[in-house]
Amino acid sequence: MSRGAKVIDNVKRWGGNFLIIAKESFLSFRRNNDFEGAASLAYYGFFASIPLFFIVISFLSFSVISLETAVKGIEGITSRIFPHFGKTISDEVNNLAKHKGAIGILGFVLLFWSITPLTSAVRNKFIQIFQVDRTVSFIKGTFLDIVAVSAILMLFASLLLTELFYHYYIPFFSPSSSSFYPVIDFIVSFVAIVLFIVFFYIIFSPIRLRPKELFVSSTITSLSWIGIKELFSALIVYNPEYGIAFGSLKAIFIIILWSYFSFAVLLLGAEIMAGIRKMDAILLKELFNSKKGLTDKRWRMMGRFIRVYDEGYTLFKEGEMGDMMYYIKKGSVVVSRHGKVVNVLKAGEYFGEMSMLTGAVRVATARVGEPNTELIPITKENFEQILSENPKMLMRIFKEMASRLKFMDENFCSAEGSKTVDDG
């Protein structure tokens, strides 16, 4: 294959992988009721926004910058996050900041604690998305919420300082000094959004994230959020009476609605991240779900899993522990017990799952039966991921295991019976 053909083939494979991940992410989004989750997060997020911004500017105005400068930074951030109604939040924060001396330490503690329902809800939602089987005690959960709120406060403080540094301390970036300001503003804003989402996912992810899945999903999430924001802004501009039915609460309605869309995008990004992480399991599950067999296109996408073995190669021996199973794409595998052949498996069959699932030793020996036999090794982690999303498959697997054990025992007894007759 020429270099150009390889490039084209890789592009097709990556494109196919992306479509599969996108499809699985949307299915998982529906399966996990992420729209409902986004609604809950929007509710918590609305009530956490003002305390969050107030604590940030109170801390910064006390130790780093003046109160007036901090308020300008909040105005800049809220105008970027909340289309057309960011000033509503910044005005409330400004009014609260003018009376921060009357709040006291207890007031700050209560404001800090009012953010924890949001962080707890996000953490629990991410545990569901990443399918982590973890029970957190009340004390540990409280500690994690405190850490998460502290991290979010530092993240927004960094965002505020970046906003001030960009707009108020670098004259080159002012709109009047550069004809490239819109382009520069978009690039800087986009990078800031990506980095914000990256750290947001790091804070709440219940597992250690790989750089590839983290930055790819954060970039997709950022682009989606910008696109949704432009559409939402257009809706408000061309339909200024939108939400008028709520009267004086119109601004609150629109802010909560926008928060709902924002959290829905964040959760979809998390689903994409989880999809990238379990890409192997997504591809491999087609081996067990497809009744008509895989298409040539799907086999090409699974090429990196295929291993070629010579005739006579021993895959595993009776009595060994097993942490791997195999699917036969081409060729055959001979299964034997105590040196007696009890089964010959052909293309389309799988084996080795009994020991892998039960943790028991191998009950038989498996050797490659034909030259250039093509097998697909499947790890325990990937197979458990497949079963977790396809619980009905588990019963089918156990029935197949029971049937195969019965067949092997019958063949083994038959072989032993023949040996006894021959010896006699």
Protein backbone atom coordinates (compact mmCIF):
# COMPACT_ATOMS: atom_id res chain seq x y z
CA MET A 1 0.00 0.00 0.00
CA SER A 2 1.38 3.42 -0.99
CA ARG A 3 1.90 6.22 1.52
CA GLY A 4 -1.02 8.22 0.12
CA ALA A 5 -3.31 5.22 0.31
CA LYS A 6 -2.29 4.66 3.92
CA VAL A 7 -3.10 8.26 4.76
CA ILE A 8 -6.52 7.98 3.13
CA ASP A 9 -7.15 4.69 4.91
CA ASN A 10 -6.19 6.24 8.26
CA VAL A 11 -8.46 9.24 7.65
CA LYS A 12 -11.36 6.90 6.84
CA ARG A 13 -10.66 4.84 9.95
CA TRP A 14 -10.47 7.92 12.18
CA GLY A 15 -13.65 9.28 10.61
CA GLY A 16 -15.40 5.96 11.16
CA ASN A 17 -14.21 5.85 14.76
CA PHE A 18 -15.47 9.38 15.35
CA LEU A 19 -18.93 8.51 13.99
CA ILE A 20 -19.09 5.43 16.19
CA ILE A 21 -18.06 7.43 19.27
CA ALA A 22 -20.60 10.16 18.43
CA LYS A 23 -23.39 7.60 18.03
CA GLU A 24 -22.52 5.81 21.27
CA SER A 25 -22.18 9.12 23.12
CA PHE A 26 -25.67 10.24 22.11
CA LEU A 27 -27.11 6.84 23.04
CA SER A 28 -25.36 6.99 26.39
CA PHE A 29 -26.57 10.59 26.84
CA ARG A 30 -30.15 9.35 26.52
CA ARG A 31 -29.54 6.20 28.56
CA ASN A 32 -28.11 8.22 31.46
CA ASN A 33 -30.95 10.79 31.35
CA ASP A 34 -28.44 13.59 30.90
CA PHE A 35 -31.14 16.10 29.90
CA GLU A 36 -32.69 15.57 33.32
CA GLY A 37 -29.23 15.81 34.87
CA ALA A 38 -28.58 19.09 33.04
CA ALA A 39 -31.85 20.50 34.40
CA SER A 40 -30.79 19.69 37.97
CA LEU A 41 -27.34 21.18 37.43
CA ALA A 42 -28.87 24.34 35.92
CA TYR A 43 -30.96 24.79 39.07
CA TYR A 44 -27.99 24.30 41.38
CA GLY A 45 -25.75 26.34 39.10
CA PHE A 46 -28.07 29.35 39.13
CA PHE A 47 -28.11 29.55 42.92
CA ALA A 48 -24.36 28.92 43.11
CA SER A 49 -23.31 31.53 40.55
CA ILE A 50 -23.67 34.70 42.64
CA PRO A 51 -22.04 33.26 45.82
CA LEU A 52 -19.24 31.86 43.65
CA PHE A 53 -18.47 35.16 41.92
CA PHE A 54 -18.86 37.10 45.18
CA ILE A 55 -16.34 34.91 47.05
CA VAL A 56 -13.89 35.22 44.14
CA ILE A 57 -13.97 39.02 43.96
CA SER A 58 -13.95 39.33 47.76
CA PHE A 59 -10.78 37.25 47.97
CA LEU A 60 -9.05 38.98 45.06
CA SER A 61 -10.03 42.51 46.15
CA PHE A 62 -8.71 41.74 49.60
CA SER A 63 -5.30 40.44 48.50
CA VAL A 64 -4.57 41.17 44.81
CA ILE A 65 -6.63 43.88 43.11
CA SER A 66 -9.12 46.61 43.95
CA LEU A 67 -12.83 45.91 44.31
CA GLU A 68 -13.69 48.10 41.31
CA THR A 69 -11.24 46.21 39.10
CA ALA A 70 -12.54 42.85 40.32
CA VAL A 71 -16.12 43.89 39.50
CA LYS A 72 -15.04 44.88 35.98
CA GLY A 73 -13.53 41.44 35.58
CA ILE A 74 -16.78 39.80 36.72
CA GLU A 75 -18.70 41.93 34.22
CA GLY A 76 -16.40 40.72 31.46
CA ILE A 77 -16.72 37.06 32.44
CA THR A 78 -20.51 37.08 32.88
CA SER A 79 -20.97 38.86 29.54
CA ARG A 80 -19.07 36.00 27.89
CA ILE A 81 -20.83 33.20 29.76
CA PHE A 82 -24.43 34.47 29.86
CA PRO A 83 -25.69 35.87 26.53
CA HIS A 84 -27.26 39.34 26.95
CA PHE A 85 -28.12 38.79 30.62
CA GLY A 86 -24.67 38.57 32.16
CA LYS A 87 -25.05 42.10 33.53
CA THR A 88 -27.95 40.91 35.69
CA ILE A 89 -25.62 38.61 37.60
CA SER A 90 -22.70 41.05 37.68
CA ASP A 91 -24.98 43.79 39.09
CA GLU A 92 -26.15 41.47 41.88
CA VAL A 93 -22.56 40.54 42.66
CA ASN A 94 -21.58 44.21 42.68
CA ASN A 95 -24.41 45.12 45.07
CA LEU A 96 -23.44 42.26 47.36
CA ALA A 97 -19.75 43.23 47.23
CA LYS A 98 -20.55 46.72 48.48
CA HIS A 99 -21.81 45.17 51.72
CA LYS A 100 -19.23 42.41 52.10
CA GLY A 101 -18.08 43.88 55.42
CA ALA A 102 -21.49 43.14 56.95
CA ILE A 103 -21.49 39.49 55.96
CA GLY A 104 -18.87 38.22 58.37
CA ILE A 105 -17.00 34.95 58.52
CA LEU A 106 -20.14 32.88 59.14
CA GLY A 107 -21.77 34.50 56.11
CA PHE A 108 -18.81 33.54 53.92
CA VAL A 109 -18.94 29.96 55.22
CA LEU A 110 -22.64 29.75 54.36
CA LEU A 111 -22.02 31.19 50.91
CA PHE A 112 -19.21 28.68 50.39
CA TRP A 113 -21.47 25.85 51.51
CA SER A 114 -24.25 26.99 49.15
CA ILE A 115 -22.01 25.97 46.21
CA THR A 116 -21.55 22.38 47.42
CA PRO A 117 -24.92 21.08 46.09
CA LEU A 118 -23.70 21.95 42.58
CA THR A 119 -20.33 20.22 42.97
CA SER A 120 -21.97 17.16 44.58
CA ALA A 121 -24.49 16.88 41.73
CA VAL A 122 -21.76 17.22 39.07
CA ARG A 123 -19.57 14.63 40.83
CA ASN A 124 -22.43 12.11 41.06
CA LYS A 125 -23.34 12.66 37.42
CA PHE A 126 -19.78 12.03 36.31
CA ILE A 127 -19.67 8.83 38.35
CA GLN A 128 -22.74 7.68 36.43
CA ILE A 129 -21.30 8.67 33.05
CA PHE A 130 -17.97 6.92 33.63
CA GLN A 131 -19.76 3.91 35.19
CA VAL A 132 -17.62 3.87 38.30
CA ASP A 133 -18.84 1.40 40.88
CA ARG A 134 -18.04 3.48 43.92
CA THR A 135 -19.87 4.17 47.18
CA VAL A 136 -18.74 7.37 48.88
CA SER A 137 -19.35 7.88 52.61
CA PHE A 138 -20.91 11.10 53.87
CA ILE A 139 -17.65 12.33 55.39
CA LYS A 140 -15.62 11.56 52.25
CA GLY A 141 -18.33 13.07 50.04
CA THR A 142 -18.31 16.26 52.12
CA PHE A 143 -14.53 16.45 51.89
CA LEU A 144 -14.66 15.96 48.10
CA ASP A 145 -17.29 18.71 47.80
CA ILE A 146 -15.13 21.13 49.79
CA VAL A 147 -12.12 20.33 47.61
CA ALA A 148 -14.21 20.69 44.43
CA VAL A 149 -15.66 24.07 45.52
CA SER A 150 -12.17 25.31 46.39
CA ALA A 151 -10.89 24.16 42.97
CA ILE A 152 -13.80 25.84 41.19
CA LEU A 153 -13.17 29.09 43.07
CA MET A 154 -9.50 29.02 42.07
CA LEU A 155 -10.49 28.24 38.48
CA PHE A 156 -12.84 31.23 38.30
CA ALA A 157 -10.27 33.43 40.04
CA SER A 158 -7.75 32.48 37.35
CA LEU A 159 -10.37 33.18 34.69
CA LEU A 160 -11.09 36.61 36.18
CA LEU A 161 -7.41 37.56 36.34
CA THR A 162 -6.95 36.38 32.75
CA GLU A 163 -9.91 38.51 31.66
CA LEU A 164 -8.46 41.58 33.39
CA PHE A 165 -4.96 40.95 32.06
CA TYR A 166 -6.28 40.51 28.53
CA HIS A 167 -8.60 43.52 28.39
CA TYR A 168 -7.23 46.07 30.82
CA TYR A 169 -3.48 45.54 31.02
CA ILE A 170 -2.47 44.79 27.42
CA PRO A 171 -3.20 47.85 25.24
CA PHE A 172 -2.39 45.90 22.07
CA PHE A 173 -5.55 43.81 22.51
CA SER A 174 -7.95 46.73 22.76
CA PRO A 175 -10.49 46.98 19.89
CA SER A 176 -9.24 50.41 18.82
CA SER A 177 -5.60 49.37 18.46
CA SER A 178 -5.87 46.40 16.14
CA SER A 179 -7.90 45.53 13.06
CA PHE A 180 -7.33 41.88 13.95
CA TYR A 181 -9.04 42.27 17.29
CA PRO A 182 -12.09 40.05 16.45
CA VAL A 183 -9.81 37.22 15.34
CA ILE A 184 -7.49 37.62 18.31
CA ASP A 185 -10.44 37.87 20.68
CA PHE A 186 -11.98 34.66 19.32
CA ILE A 187 -8.71 32.71 19.52
CA VAL A 188 -7.93 33.87 23.05
CA SER A 189 -11.51 33.24 24.18
CA PHE A 190 -11.55 29.79 22.59
CA VAL A 191 -8.27 28.78 24.22
CA ALA A 192 -9.55 30.05 27.58
CA ILE A 193 -12.78 28.06 27.21
CA VAL A 194 -10.91 24.87 26.28
CA LEU A 195 -8.56 25.22 29.25
CA PHE A 196 -11.47 25.99 31.57
CA ILE A 197 -13.34 22.86 30.45
CA VAL A 198 -10.16 20.77 30.68
CA PHE A 199 -9.71 21.72 34.34
CA PHE A 200 -13.44 21.35 34.98
CA TYR A 201 -13.31 17.75 33.76
CA ILE A 202 -10.15 17.08 35.76
CA ILE A 203 -11.80 18.37 38.94
CA PHE A 204 -14.90 16.19 38.66
CA SER A 205 -13.74 13.11 36.81
CA PRO A 206 -13.85 10.01 39.06
CA ILE A 207 -11.03 8.39 37.04
CA ARG A 208 -7.62 9.39 35.79
CA LEU A 209 -8.04 10.91 32.34
CA ARG A 210 -5.64 10.43 29.46
CA PRO A 211 -4.44 13.63 27.71
CA LYS A 212 -5.83 12.54 24.31
CA GLU A 213 -9.39 11.89 25.47
CA LEU A 214 -9.32 14.95 27.73
CA PHE A 215 -8.23 17.51 25.12
CA VAL A 216 -10.24 16.03 22.25
CA SER A 217 -13.48 16.01 24.23
CA SER A 218 -12.76 19.47 25.71
CA THR A 219 -12.18 20.92 22.24
CA ILE A 220 -15.40 19.37 20.92
CA THR A 221 -17.29 20.61 23.98
CA SER A 222 -15.89 24.13 23.55
CA LEU A 223 -16.88 24.30 19.87
CA SER A 224 -20.35 22.96 20.70
CA TRP A 225 -20.79 25.45 23.53
CA ILE A 226 -19.76 28.39 21.32
CA GLY A 227 -22.16 27.22 18.61
CA ILE A 228 -25.04 26.85 21.07
CA LYS A 229 -24.24 30.24 22.54
CA GLU A 230 -24.43 31.93 19.13
CA LEU A 231 -27.75 30.26 18.38
CA PHE A 232 -29.14 31.20 21.79
CA SER A 233 -27.97 34.81 21.34
CA ALA A 234 -29.60 34.95 17.92
CA LEU A 235 -32.85 33.67 19.44
CA ILE A 236 -32.87 36.47 22.00
CA VAL A 237 -31.88 39.15 19.46
CA TYR A 238 -34.52 38.19 16.89
CA ASN A 239 -37.13 37.39 19.51
CA PRO A 240 -36.66 40.01 22.26
CA GLU A 241 -40.01 39.10 23.83
CA TYR A 242 -38.82 35.55 24.52
CA GLY A 243 -39.61 34.71 28.14
CA ILE A 244 -41.95 37.69 28.55
CA ALA A 245 -44.53 35.36 30.10
CA PHE A 246 -42.39 35.30 33.24
CA GLY A 247 -42.71 39.07 33.67
CA SER A 248 -40.08 40.49 36.02
CA LEU A 249 -38.58 37.00 36.31
CA LYS A 250 -37.71 36.93 32.59
CA ALA A 251 -33.99 37.37 33.22
CA ILE A 252 -33.98 34.53 35.76
CA PHE A 253 -35.84 32.26 33.35
CA ILE A 254 -33.42 32.93 30.50
CA ILE A 255 -30.33 32.54 32.71
CA ILE A 256 -31.57 29.17 34.02
CA LEU A 257 -32.47 28.08 30.50
CA TRP A 258 -29.02 29.02 29.23
CA SER A 259 -27.43 27.23 32.19
CA TYR A 260 -29.44 24.15 31.21
CA PHE A 261 -28.05 24.20 27.66
CA SER A 262 -24.52 24.81 28.94
CA PHE A 263 -24.61 21.87 31.34
CA ALA A 264 -26.16 19.66 28.65
CA VAL A 265 -23.16 20.43 26.43
CA LEU A 266 -20.74 19.74 29.30
CA LEU A 267 -22.39 16.39 30.00
CA LEU A 268 -22.35 15.46 26.32
CA GLY A 269 -18.64 16.28 26.28
CA ALA A 270 -18.18 13.97 29.26
CA GLU A 271 -20.06 11.24 27.39
CA ILE A 272 -17.73 11.74 24.41
CA MET A 273 -14.75 11.51 26.74
CA ALA A 274 -16.11 8.27 28.21
CA GLY A 275 -16.78 7.03 24.67
CA ILE A 276 -13.19 7.68 23.60
CA ARG A 277 -12.01 5.88 26.71
CA LYS A 278 -14.09 2.77 25.98
CA MET A 279 -13.57 2.85 22.20
CA ASP A 280 -12.10 -0.66 22.18
CA ALA A 281 -15.15 -2.08 23.96
CA ILE A 282 -17.51 -0.20 21.60
CA LEU A 283 -15.87 -1.79 18.57
CA LEU A 284 -15.48 -5.25 20.08
CA LYS A 285 -19.10 -5.54 21.18
CA GLU A 286 -20.12 -5.80 17.53
CA LEU A 287 -18.48 -9.23 17.52
CA PHE A 288 -21.20 -10.45 19.87
CA ASN A 289 -24.15 -8.33 18.70
CA SER A 290 -23.91 -8.78 14.93
CA LYS A 291 -25.96 -11.74 13.70
CA LYS A 292 -24.98 -11.36 10.05
CA GLY A 293 -21.29 -10.84 10.70
CA LEU A 294 -19.26 -7.68 10.35
CA THR A 295 -18.91 -5.72 7.13
CA ASP A 296 -15.53 -5.30 5.43
CA LYS A 297 -15.51 -1.67 6.56
CA ARG A 298 -15.98 -2.63 10.21
CA TRP A 299 -13.29 -5.33 9.94
CA ARG A 300 -10.86 -2.70 8.63
CA MET A 301 -11.64 -0.55 11.64
CA MET A 302 -10.88 -3.50 13.91
CA GLY A 303 -7.61 -4.34 12.17
CA ARG A 304 -5.50 -3.26 15.14
CA PHE A 305 -7.09 -5.97 17.29
CA ILE A 306 -6.37 -8.88 14.94
CA ARG A 307 -3.45 -11.18 15.73
CA VAL A 308 -2.15 -13.91 13.38
CA TYR A 309 -0.97 -17.23 14.85
CA ASP A 310 0.80 -20.25 13.37
CA GLU A 311 -0.63 -23.76 13.52
CA GLY A 312 0.10 -25.51 16.80
CA TYR A 313 0.64 -22.33 18.82
CA THR A 314 -0.59 -22.79 22.41
CA LEU A 315 -2.89 -19.96 23.47
CA PHE A 316 -3.35 -21.23 27.01
CA LYS A 317 -3.01 -24.46 28.95
CA GLU A 318 -5.35 -26.38 31.21
CA GLY A 319 -4.90 -25.37 34.84
CA GLU A 320 -3.62 -21.85 34.10
CA MET A 321 -5.33 -18.68 35.30
CA GLY A 322 -6.97 -16.72 32.52
CA ASP A 323 -7.40 -12.97 32.00
CA MET A 324 -8.03 -13.05 28.24
CA MET A 325 -10.61 -14.48 25.84
CA TYR A 326 -10.47 -14.82 22.07
CA TYR A 327 -12.72 -14.40 19.04
CA ILE A 328 -11.91 -16.39 15.89
CA LYS A 329 -11.97 -14.31 12.71
CA LYS A 330 -10.33 -16.87 10.48
CA GLY A 331 -9.02 -20.43 10.89
CA SER A 332 -9.70 -22.76 13.81
CA VAL A 333 -8.72 -23.54 17.40
CA VAL A 334 -8.44 -27.04 18.87
CA VAL A 335 -9.62 -27.47 22.46
CA SER A 336 -8.37 -30.46 24.48
CA ARG A 337 -8.60 -31.83 28.02
CA HIS A 338 -5.97 -34.14 29.47
CA GLY A 339 -4.53 -34.47 25.99
CA LYS A 340 -7.88 -35.47 24.40
CA VAL A 341 -9.48 -33.28 21.72
CA VAL A 342 -12.95 -32.28 22.89
CA ASN A 343 -13.86 -29.49 20.47
CA VAL A 344 -12.73 -27.68 17.33
CA LEU A 345 -13.85 -24.05 17.17
CA LYS A 346 -14.28 -22.26 13.84
CA ALA A 347 -14.53 -18.68 12.60
CA GLY A 348 -17.23 -16.65 14.34
CA GLU A 349 -16.86 -18.48 17.66
CA TYR A 350 -15.25 -17.25 20.86
CA PHE A 351 -13.57 -19.06 23.75
CA GLY A 352 -11.68 -18.53 27.00
CA GLU A 353 -14.39 -16.44 28.64
CA MET A 354 -15.19 -18.95 31.41
CA SER A 355 -11.93 -18.61 33.30
CA MET A 356 -11.76 -14.88 32.63
CA LEU A 357 -15.22 -14.20 34.08
CA THR A 358 -15.23 -16.67 36.98
CA GLY A 359 -11.62 -16.29 38.08
CA ALA A 360 -11.17 -20.09 38.00
CA VAL A 361 -8.35 -21.93 36.23
CA ARG A 362 -8.62 -22.93 32.58
CA VAL A 363 -10.55 -26.21 32.18
CA ALA A 364 -8.95 -27.00 28.85
CA THR A 365 -5.97 -26.32 26.59
CA ALA A 366 -6.40 -24.25 23.39
CA ARG A 367 -4.06 -24.55 20.40
CA VAL A 368 -4.22 -22.98 16.96
CA GLY A 369 -5.52 -25.56 14.46
CA GLU A 370 -4.68 -23.99 11.10
CA PRO A 371 -1.89 -21.89 9.57
CA ASN A 372 -2.42 -18.10 9.61
CA THR A 373 -5.32 -18.30 12.03
CA GLU A 374 -6.60 -14.80 12.86
CA LEU A 375 -7.80 -14.20 16.41
CA ILE A 376 -8.98 -11.15 18.32
CA PRO A 377 -7.83 -11.14 21.97
CA ILE A 378 -10.34 -9.48 24.32
CA THR A 379 -9.26 -8.28 27.76
CA LYS A 380 -11.33 -8.71 30.89
CA GLU A 381 -11.73 -4.94 31.21
CA ASN A 382 -13.15 -4.60 27.70
CA PHE A 383 -15.45 -7.61 28.07
CA GLU A 384 -16.83 -6.36 31.40
CA GLN A 385 -17.46 -2.99 29.74
CA ILE A 386 -19.36 -4.75 26.94
CA LEU A 387 -21.48 -6.72 29.41
CA SER A 388 -22.20 -3.67 31.60
CA GLU A 389 -23.89 -1.91 28.67
CA ASN A 390 -25.52 -5.09 27.31
CA PRO A 391 -26.86 -6.94 30.37
CA LYS A 392 -28.99 -9.28 28.22
CA MET A 393 -25.79 -10.54 26.63
CA LEU A 394 -24.63 -11.89 29.99
CA MET A 395 -27.38 -14.52 30.09
CA ARG A 396 -26.56 -15.53 26.52
CA ILE A 397 -22.89 -15.87 27.43
CA PHE A 398 -23.64 -18.04 30.45
CA LYS A 399 -25.93 -20.28 28.41
CA GLU A 400 -23.18 -20.67 25.83
CA MET A 401 -20.67 -21.47 28.59
CA ALA A 402 -22.97 -24.14 30.08
CA SER A 403 -23.64 -25.67 26.67
CA ARG A 404 -19.94 -25.74 25.82
CA LEU A 405 -19.00 -27.33 29.14
CA LYS A 406 -21.64 -30.01 28.63
CA PHE A 407 -20.39 -30.66 25.09
CA MET A 408 -16.77 -30.88 26.25
CA ASP A 409 -17.65 -33.24 29.10
CA GLU A 410 -19.64 -35.51 26.79
CA ASN A 411 -16.82 -35.59 24.24
CA PHE A 412 -14.23 -36.20 26.97
CA CYS A 413 -16.27 -39.06 28.46
CA SER A 414 -16.79 -40.49 24.98
CA ALA A 415 -13.04 -40.35 24.32
CA GLU A 416 -12.31 -42.01 27.67
CA GLY A 417 -14.90 -44.70 26.94
CA SER A 418 -13.34 -45.46 23.56
CA LYS A 419 -9.89 -45.65 25.17
CA THR A 420 -11.18 -48.18 27.75
CA VAL A 421 -12.71 -50.39 25.04
CA ASP A 422 -9.52 -50.20 22.96
CA ASP A 423 -7.37 -51.05 25.96
CA GLY A 424 -9.54 -54.01 26.74
